[in-house]
Amino acid sequence: MTIDVSALRLLALDVPGVARLADHHGSGLPTSRCALRVFDDRVEIDIVLAIPHSVTGTGDRLRATLGGLLAGRPLHITVEDVERGE
């Protein structure tokens, strides 16, 4: 099953608690590092958490929203920053 990365990004942005996907431009990280990465054994997403949402609750909502589209791969979530949200 091919994973539609663009669709995952859009769905993730609609999850309460996700202020935005992390922006790695200008961070000194390799340019291949983007906020959503698909590997054979997992999917990784880097987010900016919206205050006052919890890390746990936001992670649960992301997994519930995206889980069915990951072809059985686990979702690894990294909170890169926190900012005022909704």
Protein backbone atom coordinates (compact mmCIF):
# COMPACT_ATOMS: atom_id res chain seq x y z
CA MET A 1 0.00 0.00 0.00
CA THR A 2 1.36 3.40 -1.01
CA ILE A 3 1.03 6.09 1.63
CA ASP A 4 -0.23 9.50 0.50
CA VAL A 5 2.09 11.83 2.40
CA SER A 6 0.25 14.97 1.27
CA ALA A 7 -3.03 13.60 2.61
CA LEU A 8 -1.37 12.68 5.93
CA ARG A 9 0.01 16.21 6.29
CA LEU A 10 -3.40 17.78 5.67
CA LEU A 11 -5.15 15.42 8.08
CA ALA A 12 -2.52 16.01 10.76
CA LEU A 13 -3.01 19.77 10.54
CA ASP A 14 -6.71 19.32 11.36
CA VAL A 15 -6.00 17.43 14.59
CA PRO A 16 -6.75 19.49 17.71
CA GLY A 17 -3.47 20.20 19.46
CA VAL A 18 -1.38 20.39 16.29
CA ALA A 19 -0.49 24.07 15.82
CA ARG A 20 1.52 23.21 12.71
CA LEU A 21 4.05 20.75 11.42
CA ALA A 22 7.61 21.51 12.49
CA ASP A 23 9.63 23.70 10.15
CA HIS A 24 13.18 22.42 9.83
CA HIS A 25 14.34 25.07 7.34
CA GLY A 26 17.30 27.01 8.66
CA SER A 27 17.71 24.65 11.60
CA GLY A 28 21.04 23.29 10.45
CA LEU A 29 19.45 19.90 9.86
CA PRO A 30 19.98 18.09 6.57
CA THR A 31 17.58 19.29 3.89
CA SER A 32 16.18 15.76 3.62
CA ARG A 33 14.67 16.19 7.09
CA CYS A 34 11.02 17.10 6.71
CA ALA A 35 8.16 17.09 9.19
CA LEU A 36 6.62 13.83 7.96
CA ARG A 37 8.73 10.85 6.95
CA VAL A 38 7.65 7.37 5.81
CA PHE A 39 9.94 4.39 6.36
CA ASP A 40 9.40 0.69 5.73
CA ASP A 41 8.80 0.02 9.44
CA ARG A 42 7.35 3.31 10.76
CA VAL A 43 6.06 6.81 10.02
CA GLU A 44 7.55 9.80 11.84
CA ILE A 45 5.93 13.20 12.27
CA ASP A 46 7.33 16.33 13.92
CA ILE A 47 4.76 18.77 15.24
CA VAL A 48 4.44 22.02 17.10
CA LEU A 49 2.02 21.48 19.98
CA ALA A 50 -0.73 24.06 20.51
CA ILE A 51 -1.20 25.32 24.06
CA PRO A 52 -3.25 24.25 26.08
CA HIS A 53 -3.39 20.76 24.51
CA SER A 54 -1.53 17.87 26.09
CA VAL A 55 1.17 15.84 24.40
CA THR A 56 -0.61 12.59 25.25
CA GLY A 57 -4.04 13.70 24.04
CA THR A 58 -2.67 15.16 20.83
CA GLY A 59 -0.65 12.01 20.16
CA ASP A 60 -3.72 9.85 20.71
CA ARG A 61 -5.76 12.00 18.31
CA LEU A 62 -3.00 11.90 15.67
CA ARG A 63 -2.78 8.11 15.89
CA ALA A 64 -6.56 7.76 15.67
CA THR A 65 -6.75 10.10 12.67
CA LEU A 66 -3.76 8.80 10.70
CA GLY A 67 -3.52 5.20 11.87
CA GLY A 68 -5.75 3.66 9.22
CA LEU A 69 -3.65 5.22 6.45
CA LEU A 70 -0.24 4.00 7.62
CA ALA A 71 -0.39 0.44 6.23
CA GLY A 72 0.21 -1.07 9.66
CA ARG A 73 3.23 1.08 10.50
CA PRO A 74 3.46 2.66 13.96
CA LEU A 75 3.39 6.46 14.17
CA HIS A 76 6.32 8.08 15.99
CA ILE A 77 5.55 11.64 17.09
CA THR A 78 8.11 14.27 18.09
CA VAL A 79 7.02 17.56 19.63
CA GLU A 80 9.57 20.08 18.35
CA ASP A 81 8.06 23.18 19.93
CA VAL A 82 5.04 24.58 21.75
CA GLU A 83 3.09 27.71 20.89
CA ARG A 84 -0.20 29.39 21.57
CA GLY A 85 -2.91 27.72 19.57
CA GLU A 86 -6.65 27.60 19.22
